[in-house]
């Protein structure tokens, strides 16, 4: 991630309604996310705030809610949201 202008992170978080997509820009700069989901940034982002070579890096955290983070759990709501997540990633990658 060092010396990159932008880093996209895609993650699943437990929530009440599976398949809700939220985007948080630069989540390492706040104690929680600015999305509808109250979740703390992953440890790698918290560490990046004190890493000099990452100070100018923009982090985009794309979150999808899931009922459960267990491997064997299937969710039609999450499956239906995947094309929207892919489109959001494409939008972020196309942004300059």
PDB file of N, CA and C in Angstrom:
ATOM      1  N   UNK A   1       0.815  -1.198   0.000  1.00  0.00           N
ATOM      2  CA  UNK A   1       0.000   0.000   0.000  1.00  0.00           C
ATOM      3  C   UNK A   1       0.857   1.259   0.000  1.00  0.00           C
ATOM      4  N   UNK A   2       2.115   1.114   0.327  1.00  0.00           N
ATOM      5  CA  UNK A   2       2.966   2.288   0.427  1.00  0.00           C
ATOM      6  C   UNK A   2       3.045   3.023  -0.907  1.00  0.00           C
ATOM      7  N   UNK A   3       2.996   4.337  -0.797  1.00  0.00           N
ATOM      8  CA  UNK A   3       3.140   5.247  -1.905  1.00  0.00           C
ATOM      9  C   UNK A   3       2.038   5.111  -2.971  1.00  0.00           C
ATOM     10  N   UNK A   4       0.903   4.554  -2.598  1.00  0.00           N
ATOM     11  CA  UNK A   4      -0.255   4.474  -3.489  1.00  0.00           C
ATOM     12  C   UNK A   4      -1.123   5.697  -3.242  1.00  0.00           C
ATOM     13  N   UNK A   5      -1.746   6.207  -4.295  1.00  0.00           N
ATOM     14  CA  UNK A   5      -2.647   7.359  -4.134  1.00  0.00           C
ATOM     15  C   UNK A   5      -3.947   6.952  -3.458  1.00  0.00           C
ATOM     16  N   UNK A   6      -4.444   5.759  -3.819  1.00  0.00           N
ATOM     17  CA  UNK A   6      -5.732   5.321  -3.310  1.00  0.00           C
ATOM     18  C   UNK A   6      -5.706   3.819  -3.101  1.00  0.00           C
ATOM     19  N   UNK A   7      -6.337   3.370  -2.016  1.00  0.00           N
ATOM     20  CA  UNK A   7      -6.456   1.945  -1.711  1.00  0.00           C
ATOM     21  C   UNK A   7      -7.933   1.665  -1.448  1.00  0.00           C
ATOM     22  N   UNK A   8      -8.470   0.649  -2.141  1.00  0.00           N
ATOM     23  CA  UNK A   8      -9.853   0.232  -1.923  1.00  0.00           C
ATOM     24  C   UNK A   8      -9.863  -1.019  -1.066  1.00  0.00           C
ATOM     25  N   UNK A   9     -10.686  -1.004  -0.043  1.00  0.00           N
ATOM     26  CA  UNK A   9     -10.858  -2.171   0.818  1.00  0.00           C
ATOM     27  C   UNK A   9     -12.319  -2.577   0.752  1.00  0.00           C
ATOM     28  N   UNK A  10     -12.579  -3.845   0.530  1.00  0.00           N
ATOM     29  CA  UNK A  10     -13.945  -4.354   0.468  1.00  0.00           C
ATOM     30  C   UNK A  10     -14.101  -5.318   1.624  1.00  0.00           C
ATOM     31  N   UNK A  11     -15.155  -5.116   2.414  1.00  0.00           N
ATOM     32  CA  UNK A  11     -15.297  -5.884   3.637  1.00  0.00           C
ATOM     33  C   UNK A  11     -16.772  -6.192   3.894  1.00  0.00           C
ATOM     34  N   UNK A  12     -17.014  -7.206   4.678  1.00  0.00           N
ATOM     35  CA  UNK A  12     -18.360  -7.557   5.128  1.00  0.00           C
ATOM     36  C   UNK A  12     -18.460  -7.246   6.611  1.00  0.00           C
ATOM     37  N   UNK A  13     -19.598  -6.685   6.999  1.00  0.00           N
ATOM     38  CA  UNK A  13     -19.846  -6.396   8.408  1.00  0.00           C
ATOM     39  C   UNK A  13     -21.240  -6.890   8.767  1.00  0.00           C
ATOM     40  N   UNK A  14     -21.394  -7.354   9.981  1.00  0.00           N
ATOM     41  CA  UNK A  14     -22.699  -7.830  10.407  1.00  0.00           C
ATOM     42  C   UNK A  14     -23.649  -6.647  10.557  1.00  0.00           C
ATOM     43  N   UNK A  15     -24.873  -6.842  10.090  1.00  0.00           N
ATOM     44  CA  UNK A  15     -25.885  -5.799  10.176  1.00  0.00           C
ATOM     45  C   UNK A  15     -27.271  -6.403  10.185  1.00  0.00           C
ATOM     46  N   UNK A  16     -28.264  -5.566  10.396  1.00  0.00           N
ATOM     47  CA  UNK A  16     -29.644  -6.038  10.487  1.00  0.00           C
ATOM     48  C   UNK A  16     -30.209  -6.492   9.144  1.00  0.00           C
ATOM     49  N   UNK A  17     -29.850  -5.779   8.066  1.00  0.00           N
ATOM     50  CA  UNK A  17     -30.372  -6.088   6.734  1.00  0.00           C
ATOM     51  C   UNK A  17     -29.204  -6.471   5.834  1.00  0.00           C
ATOM     52  N   UNK A  18     -29.131  -7.735   5.395  1.00  0.00           N
ATOM     53  CA  UNK A  18     -28.015  -8.138   4.543  1.00  0.00           C
ATOM     54  C   UNK A  18     -28.084  -7.480   3.165  1.00  0.00           C
ATOM     55  N   UNK A  19     -26.915  -7.144   2.640  1.00  0.00           N
ATOM     56  CA  UNK A  19     -26.824  -6.589   1.293  1.00  0.00           C
ATOM     57  C   UNK A  19     -26.794  -5.081   1.212  1.00  0.00           C
ATOM     58  N   UNK A  20     -26.812  -4.379   2.344  1.00  0.00           N
ATOM     59  CA  UNK A  20     -26.722  -2.914   2.334  1.00  0.00           C
ATOM     60  C   UNK A  20     -25.258  -2.533   2.084  1.00  0.00           C
ATOM     61  N   UNK A  21     -25.049  -1.652   1.114  1.00  0.00           N
ATOM     62  CA  UNK A  21     -23.696  -1.222   0.759  1.00  0.00           C
ATOM     63  C   UNK A  21     -23.459   0.169   1.333  1.00  0.00           C
ATOM     64  N   UNK A  22     -22.340   0.343   1.987  1.00  0.00           N
ATOM     65  CA  UNK A  22     -21.939   1.640   2.516  1.00  0.00           C
ATOM     66  C   UNK A  22     -20.493   1.891   2.118  1.00  0.00           C
ATOM     67  N   UNK A  23     -20.155   3.159   1.950  1.00  0.00           N
ATOM     68  CA  UNK A  23     -18.799   3.534   1.577  1.00  0.00           C
ATOM     69  C   UNK A  23     -18.301   4.570   2.563  1.00  0.00           C
ATOM     70  N   UNK A  24     -17.104   4.355   3.042  1.00  0.00           N
ATOM     71  CA  UNK A  24     -16.485   5.270   3.991  1.00  0.00           C
ATOM     72  C   UNK A  24     -15.125   5.685   3.434  1.00  0.00           C
ATOM     73  N   UNK A  25     -14.944   6.967   3.194  1.00  0.00           N
ATOM     74  CA  UNK A  25     -13.657   7.475   2.714  1.00  0.00           C
ATOM     75  C   UNK A  25     -12.777   7.816   3.898  1.00  0.00           C
ATOM     76  N   UNK A  26     -11.536   7.393   3.825  1.00  0.00           N
ATOM     77  CA  UNK A  26     -10.540   7.648   4.860  1.00  0.00           C
ATOM     78  C   UNK A  26     -11.016   7.274   6.259  1.00  0.00           C
ATOM     79  N   UNK A  27     -11.455   6.031   6.455  1.00  0.00           N
ATOM     80  CA  UNK A  27     -11.970   5.621   7.764  1.00  0.00           C
ATOM     81  C   UNK A  27     -10.926   5.637   8.862  1.00  0.00           C
ATOM     82  N   UNK A  28      -9.650   5.626   8.512  1.00  0.00           N
ATOM     83  CA  UNK A  28      -8.603   5.608   9.542  1.00  0.00           C
ATOM     84  C   UNK A  28      -8.520   6.932  10.278  1.00  0.00           C
ATOM     85  N   UNK A  29      -9.136   7.959   9.728  1.00  0.00           N
ATOM     86  CA  UNK A  29      -9.052   9.284  10.345  1.00  0.00           C
ATOM     87  C   UNK A  29     -10.153   9.543  11.350  1.00  0.00           C
ATOM     88  N   UNK A  30     -11.046   8.583  11.539  1.00  0.00           N
ATOM     89  CA  UNK A  30     -12.123   8.771  12.507  1.00  0.00           C
ATOM     90  C   UNK A  30     -12.219   7.554  13.411  1.00  0.00           C
ATOM     91  N   UNK A  31     -12.891   7.731  14.533  1.00  0.00           N
ATOM     92  CA  UNK A  31     -13.035   6.623  15.481  1.00  0.00           C
ATOM     93  C   UNK A  31     -14.011   5.583  14.979  1.00  0.00           C
ATOM     94  N   UNK A  32     -14.971   5.969  14.183  1.00  0.00           N
ATOM     95  CA  UNK A  32     -15.954   5.055  13.607  1.00  0.00           C
ATOM     96  C   UNK A  32     -16.164   5.440  12.167  1.00  0.00           C
ATOM     97  N   UNK A  33     -16.989   4.722  11.483  1.00  0.00           N
ATOM     98  CA  UNK A  33     -17.229   5.058  10.093  1.00  0.00           C
ATOM     99  C   UNK A  33     -18.325   6.103   9.999  1.00  0.00           C
ATOM    100  N   UNK A  34     -18.390   6.757   8.847  1.00  0.00           N
ATOM    101  CA  UNK A  34     -19.433   7.747   8.634  1.00  0.00           C
ATOM    102  C   UNK A  34     -20.611   7.125   7.893  1.00  0.00           C
ATOM    103  N   UNK A  35     -20.657   5.829   7.835  1.00  0.00           N
ATOM    104  CA  UNK A  35     -21.723   5.130   7.140  1.00  0.00           C
ATOM    105  C   UNK A  35     -22.850   4.821   8.098  1.00  0.00           C
ATOM    106  N   UNK A  36     -23.865   4.159   7.580  1.00  0.00           N
ATOM    107  CA  UNK A  36     -24.983   3.741   8.427  1.00  0.00           C
ATOM    108  C   UNK A  36     -24.567   2.616   9.352  1.00  0.00           C
ATOM    109  N   UNK A  37     -23.432   2.049   9.119  1.00  0.00           N
ATOM    110  CA  UNK A  37     -22.947   0.927   9.915  1.00  0.00           C
ATOM    111  C   UNK A  37     -21.938   1.467  10.915  1.00  0.00           C
ATOM    112  N   UNK A  38     -22.106   1.141  12.174  1.00  0.00           N
ATOM    113  CA  UNK A  38     -21.127   1.579  13.158  1.00  0.00           C
ATOM    114  C   UNK A  38     -20.107   0.464  13.316  1.00  0.00           C
ATOM    115  N   UNK A  39     -18.981   0.650  12.711  1.00  0.00           N
ATOM    116  CA  UNK A  39     -17.919  -0.343  12.719  1.00  0.00           C
ATOM    117  C   UNK A  39     -16.587   0.387  12.737  1.00  0.00           C
ATOM    118  N   UNK A  40     -15.642  -0.175  13.411  1.00  0.00           N
ATOM    119  CA  UNK A  40     -14.319   0.444  13.472  1.00  0.00           C
ATOM    120  C   UNK A  40     -13.485  -0.025  12.302  1.00  0.00           C
ATOM    121  N   UNK A  41     -12.621   0.840  11.777  1.00  0.00           N
ATOM    122  CA  UNK A  41     -11.733   0.423  10.705  1.00  0.00           C
ATOM    123  C   UNK A  41     -10.849  -0.749  11.143  1.00  0.00           C
ATOM    124  N   UNK A  42     -10.454  -1.601  10.190  1.00  0.00           N
ATOM    125  CA  UNK A  42      -9.581  -2.719  10.536  1.00  0.00           C
ATOM    126  C   UNK A  42      -8.247  -2.233  11.090  1.00  0.00           C
ATOM    127  N   UNK A  43      -7.561  -3.070  11.872  1.00  0.00           N
ATOM    128  CA  UNK A  43      -6.275  -2.669  12.463  1.00  0.00           C
ATOM    129  C   UNK A  43      -5.263  -2.137  11.452  1.00  0.00           C
ATOM    130  N   UNK A  44      -5.247  -2.684  10.230  1.00  0.00           N
ATOM    131  CA  UNK A  44      -4.267  -2.213   9.242  1.00  0.00           C
ATOM    132  C   UNK A  44      -4.486  -0.739   8.917  1.00  0.00           C
ATOM    133  N   UNK A  45      -5.744  -0.278   8.944  1.00  0.00           N
ATOM    134  CA  UNK A  45      -6.001   1.132   8.679  1.00  0.00           C
ATOM    135  C   UNK A  45      -5.600   2.002   9.854  1.00  0.00           C
ATOM    136  N   UNK A  46      -5.847   1.524  11.049  1.00  0.00           N
ATOM    137  CA  UNK A  46      -5.437   2.303  12.220  1.00  0.00           C
ATOM    138  C   UNK A  46      -3.916   2.442  12.246  1.00  0.00           C
ATOM    139  N   UNK A  47      -3.204   1.394  11.869  1.00  0.00           N
ATOM    140  CA  UNK A  47      -1.742   1.461  11.818  1.00  0.00           C
ATOM    141  C   UNK A  47      -1.272   2.394  10.703  1.00  0.00           C
ATOM    142  N   UNK A  48      -2.024   2.455   9.611  1.00  0.00           N
ATOM    143  CA  UNK A  48      -1.603   3.295   8.490  1.00  0.00           C
ATOM    144  C   UNK A  48      -1.609   4.772   8.845  1.00  0.00           C
ATOM    145  N   UNK A  49      -2.382   5.163   9.841  1.00  0.00           N
ATOM    146  CA  UNK A  49      -2.445   6.575  10.244  1.00  0.00           C
ATOM    147  C   UNK A  49      -1.131   7.053  10.822  1.00  0.00           C
ATOM    148  N   UNK A  50      -0.315   6.149  11.305  1.00  0.00           N
ATOM    149  CA  UNK A  50       0.967   6.541  11.896  1.00  0.00           C
ATOM    150  C   UNK A  50       2.149   6.110  11.031  1.00  0.00           C
ATOM    151  N   UNK A  51       1.878   5.641   9.822  1.00  0.00           N
ATOM    152  CA  UNK A  51       2.943   5.221   8.907  1.00  0.00           C
ATOM    153  C   UNK A  51       3.213   6.362   7.934  1.00  0.00           C
ATOM    154  N   UNK A  52       4.393   6.988   7.990  1.00  0.00           N
ATOM    155  CA  UNK A  52       4.668   8.168   7.170  1.00  0.00           C
ATOM    156  C   UNK A  52       4.444   7.961   5.672  1.00  0.00           C
ATOM    157  N   UNK A  53       4.749   6.784   5.135  1.00  0.00           N
ATOM    158  CA  UNK A  53       4.603   6.576   3.692  1.00  0.00           C
ATOM    159  C   UNK A  53       3.147   6.392   3.264  1.00  0.00           C
ATOM    160  N   UNK A  54       2.211   6.386   4.217  1.00  0.00           N
ATOM    161  CA  UNK A  54       0.791   6.239   3.889  1.00  0.00           C
ATOM    162  C   UNK A  54      -0.027   7.486   4.200  1.00  0.00           C
ATOM    163  N   UNK A  55       0.621   8.540   4.655  1.00  0.00           N
ATOM    164  CA  UNK A  55      -0.115   9.746   5.058  1.00  0.00           C
ATOM    165  C   UNK A  55      -0.912  10.354   3.918  1.00  0.00           C
ATOM    166  N   UNK A  56      -0.416  10.288   2.695  1.00  0.00           N
ATOM    167  CA  UNK A  56      -1.105  10.895   1.561  1.00  0.00           C
ATOM    168  C   UNK A  56      -2.005   9.908   0.818  1.00  0.00           C
ATOM    169  N   UNK A  57      -2.121   8.702   1.327  1.00  0.00           N
ATOM    170  CA  UNK A  57      -2.934   7.682   0.669  1.00  0.00           C
ATOM    171  C   UNK A  57      -4.390   7.836   1.069  1.00  0.00           C
ATOM    172  N   UNK A  58      -5.268   7.828   0.061  1.00  0.00           N
ATOM    173  CA  UNK A  58      -6.704   7.871   0.326  1.00  0.00           C
ATOM    174  C   UNK A  58      -7.200   6.432   0.439  1.00  0.00           C
ATOM    175  N   UNK A  59      -7.901   6.126   1.511  1.00  0.00           N
ATOM    176  CA  UNK A  59      -8.474   4.802   1.711  1.00  0.00           C
ATOM    177  C   UNK A  59      -9.981   4.881   1.520  1.00  0.00           C
ATOM    178  N   UNK A  60     -10.523   3.972   0.732  1.00  0.00           N
ATOM    179  CA  UNK A  60     -11.957   3.859   0.522  1.00  0.00           C
ATOM    180  C   UNK A  60     -12.364   2.480   1.031  1.00  0.00           C
ATOM    181  N   UNK A  61     -13.290   2.457   1.975  1.00  0.00           N
ATOM    182  CA  UNK A  61     -13.730   1.214   2.604  1.00  0.00           C
ATOM    183  C   UNK A  61     -15.154   0.947   2.134  1.00  0.00           C
ATOM    184  N   UNK A  62     -15.346  -0.080   1.306  1.00  0.00           N
ATOM    185  CA  UNK A  62     -16.652  -0.460   0.794  1.00  0.00           C
ATOM    186  C   UNK A  62     -17.159  -1.619   1.642  1.00  0.00           C
ATOM    187  N   UNK A  63     -18.289  -1.388   2.309  1.00  0.00           N
ATOM    188  CA  UNK A  63     -18.829  -2.369   3.250  1.00  0.00           C
ATOM    189  C   UNK A  63     -20.147  -2.941   2.751  1.00  0.00           C
ATOM    190  N   UNK A  64     -20.347  -4.223   2.989  1.00  0.00           N
ATOM    191  CA  UNK A  64     -21.616  -4.885   2.684  1.00  0.00           C
ATOM    192  C   UNK A  64     -22.087  -5.571   3.958  1.00  0.00           C
ATOM    193  N   UNK A  65     -23.337  -5.323   4.338  1.00  0.00           N
ATOM    194  CA  UNK A  65     -23.843  -5.970   5.551  1.00  0.00           C
ATOM    195  C   UNK A  65     -24.181  -7.438   5.282  1.00  0.00           C
ATOM    196  N   UNK A  66     -23.931  -8.252   6.287  1.00  0.00           N
ATOM    197  CA  UNK A  66     -24.241  -9.682   6.246  1.00  0.00           C
ATOM    198  C   UNK A  66     -24.964 -10.042   7.544  1.00  0.00           C
ATOM    199  N   UNK A  67     -25.757 -11.113   7.492  1.00  0.00           N
ATOM    200  CA  UNK A  67     -26.401 -11.607   8.714  1.00  0.00           C
ATOM    201  C   UNK A  67     -25.387 -12.198   9.663  1.00  0.00           C
ATOM    202  N   UNK A  68     -24.435 -12.900   9.082  1.00  0.00           N
ATOM    203  CA  UNK A  68     -23.432 -13.599   9.875  1.00  0.00           C
ATOM    204  C   UNK A  68     -22.142 -13.663   9.080  1.00  0.00           C
ATOM    205  N   UNK A  69     -21.030 -13.631   9.783  1.00  0.00           N
ATOM    206  CA  UNK A  69     -19.722 -13.719   9.134  1.00  0.00           C
ATOM    207  C   UNK A  69     -19.214 -15.160   9.070  1.00  0.00           C
ATOM    208  N   UNK A  70     -20.072 -16.129   9.423  1.00  0.00           N
ATOM    209  CA  UNK A  70     -19.663 -17.533   9.358  1.00  0.00           C
ATOM    210  C   UNK A  70     -19.532 -17.981   7.905  1.00  0.00           C
ATOM    211  N   UNK A  71     -18.577 -18.838   7.616  1.00  0.00           N
ATOM    212  CA  UNK A  71     -18.326 -19.317   6.255  1.00  0.00           C
ATOM    213  C   UNK A  71     -19.522 -20.036   5.657  1.00  0.00           C
ATOM    214  N   UNK A  72     -20.204 -20.831   6.437  1.00  0.00           N
ATOM    215  CA  UNK A  72     -21.278 -21.649   5.890  1.00  0.00           C
ATOM    216  C   UNK A  72     -22.592 -20.890   5.702  1.00  0.00           C
ATOM    217  N   UNK A  73     -22.627 -19.627   6.034  1.00  0.00           N
ATOM    218  CA  UNK A  73     -23.845 -18.839   5.942  1.00  0.00           C
ATOM    219  C   UNK A  73     -24.026 -18.299   4.514  1.00  0.00           C
ATOM    220  N   UNK A  74     -25.165 -18.583   3.897  1.00  0.00           N
ATOM    221  CA  UNK A  74     -25.497 -18.049   2.573  1.00  0.00           C
ATOM    222  C   UNK A  74     -26.554 -16.972   2.736  1.00  0.00           C
ATOM    223  N   UNK A  75     -26.435 -15.914   1.945  1.00  0.00           N
ATOM    224  CA  UNK A  75     -27.381 -14.814   2.053  1.00  0.00           C
ATOM    225  C   UNK A  75     -27.783 -14.332   0.665  1.00  0.00           C
ATOM    226  N   UNK A  76     -29.053 -14.519   0.289  1.00  0.00           N
ATOM    227  CA  UNK A  76     -29.507 -14.001  -0.997  1.00  0.00           C
ATOM    228  C   UNK A  76     -29.358 -12.479  -1.099  1.00  0.00           C
ATOM    229  N   UNK A  77     -29.540 -11.771   0.015  1.00  0.00           N
ATOM    230  CA  UNK A  77     -29.386 -10.315   0.005  1.00  0.00           C
ATOM    231  C   UNK A  77     -27.980  -9.880  -0.332  1.00  0.00           C
ATOM    232  N   UNK A  78     -27.002 -10.580   0.227  1.00  0.00           N
ATOM    233  CA  UNK A  78     -25.603 -10.265  -0.068  1.00  0.00           C
ATOM    234  C   UNK A  78     -25.282 -10.644  -1.509  1.00  0.00           C
ATOM    235  N   UNK A  79     -25.748 -11.807  -1.941  1.00  0.00           N
ATOM    236  CA  UNK A  79     -25.504 -12.241  -3.318  1.00  0.00           C
ATOM    237  C   UNK A  79     -26.067 -11.229  -4.313  1.00  0.00           C
ATOM    238  N   UNK A  80     -27.238 -10.685  -4.019  1.00  0.00           N
ATOM    239  CA  UNK A  80     -27.852  -9.695  -4.899  1.00  0.00           C
ATOM    240  C   UNK A  80     -27.083  -8.377  -4.912  1.00  0.00           C
ATOM    241  N   UNK A  81     -26.362  -8.079  -3.836  1.00  0.00           N
ATOM    242  CA  UNK A  81     -25.621  -6.815  -3.739  1.00  0.00           C
ATOM    243  C   UNK A  81     -24.268  -6.863  -4.448  1.00  0.00           C
ATOM    244  N   UNK A  82     -23.764  -8.048  -4.739  1.00  0.00           N
ATOM    245  CA  UNK A  82     -22.418  -8.169  -5.322  1.00  0.00           C
ATOM    246  C   UNK A  82     -22.253  -7.357  -6.617  1.00  0.00           C
ATOM    247  N   UNK A  83     -23.188  -7.413  -7.576  1.00  0.00           N
ATOM    248  CA  UNK A  83     -23.000  -6.579  -8.779  1.00  0.00           C
ATOM    249  C   UNK A  83     -22.890  -5.089  -8.460  1.00  0.00           C
ATOM    250  N   UNK A  84     -23.620  -4.616  -7.453  1.00  0.00           N
ATOM    251  CA  UNK A  84     -23.531  -3.206  -7.058  1.00  0.00           C
ATOM    252  C   UNK A  84     -22.169  -2.900  -6.439  1.00  0.00           C
ATOM    253  N   UNK A  85     -21.639  -3.835  -5.672  1.00  0.00           N
ATOM    254  CA  UNK A  85     -20.302  -3.651  -5.088  1.00  0.00           C
ATOM    255  C   UNK A  85     -19.271  -3.569  -6.203  1.00  0.00           C
ATOM    256  N   UNK A  86     -19.370  -4.470  -7.164  1.00  0.00           N
ATOM    257  CA  UNK A  86     -18.431  -4.467  -8.289  1.00  0.00           C
ATOM    258  C   UNK A  86     -18.515  -3.136  -9.037  1.00  0.00           C
ATOM    259  N   UNK A  87     -19.719  -2.641  -9.265  1.00  0.00           N
ATOM    260  CA  UNK A  87     -19.888  -1.360  -9.951  1.00  0.00           C
ATOM    261  C   UNK A  87     -19.284  -0.223  -9.135  1.00  0.00           C
ATOM    262  N   UNK A  88     -19.459  -0.241  -7.831  1.00  0.00           N
ATOM    263  CA  UNK A  88     -18.872   0.813  -6.988  1.00  0.00           C
ATOM    264  C   UNK A  88     -17.349   0.762  -7.039  1.00  0.00           C
ATOM    265  N   UNK A  89     -16.788  -0.435  -7.041  1.00  0.00           N
ATOM    266  CA  UNK A  89     -15.332  -0.578  -7.168  1.00  0.00           C
ATOM    267  C   UNK A  89     -14.875  -0.009  -8.509  1.00  0.00           C
ATOM    268  N   UNK A  90     -15.590  -0.313  -9.576  1.00  0.00           N
ATOM    269  CA  UNK A  90     -15.241   0.236 -10.900  1.00  0.00           C
ATOM    270  C   UNK A  90     -15.289   1.769 -10.890  1.00  0.00           C
ATOM    271  N   UNK A  91     -16.305   2.329 -10.246  1.00  0.00           N
ATOM    272  CA  UNK A  91     -16.412   3.793 -10.156  1.00  0.00           C
ATOM    273  C   UNK A  91     -15.210   4.376  -9.421  1.00  0.00           C
ATOM    274  N   UNK A  92     -14.851   3.757  -8.313  1.00  0.00           N
ATOM    275  CA  UNK A  92     -13.709   4.257  -7.536  1.00  0.00           C
ATOM    276  C   UNK A  92     -12.405   4.129  -8.317  1.00  0.00           C
ATOM    277  N   UNK A  93     -12.253   3.029  -9.035  1.00  0.00           N
ATOM    278  CA  UNK A  93     -11.031   2.836  -9.822  1.00  0.00           C
ATOM    279  C   UNK A  93     -10.959   3.825 -10.992  1.00  0.00           C
ATOM    280  N   UNK A  94     -12.114   4.221 -11.519  1.00  0.00           N
ATOM    281  CA  UNK A  94     -12.137   5.157 -12.626  1.00  0.00           C
ATOM    282  C   UNK A  94     -11.946   6.610 -12.202  1.00  0.00           C
ATOM    283  N   UNK A  95     -12.098   6.876 -10.926  1.00  0.00           N
ATOM    284  CA  UNK A  95     -11.926   8.227 -10.399  1.00  0.00           C
ATOM    285  C   UNK A  95     -10.444   8.582 -10.397  1.00  0.00           C
ATOM    286  N   UNK A  96     -10.109   9.768 -10.784  1.00  0.00           N
ATOM    287  CA  UNK A  96      -8.691  10.169 -10.797  1.00  0.00           C
ATOM    288  C   UNK A  96      -8.411  11.197  -9.757  1.00  0.00           C
TER     289      UNK A  96
END
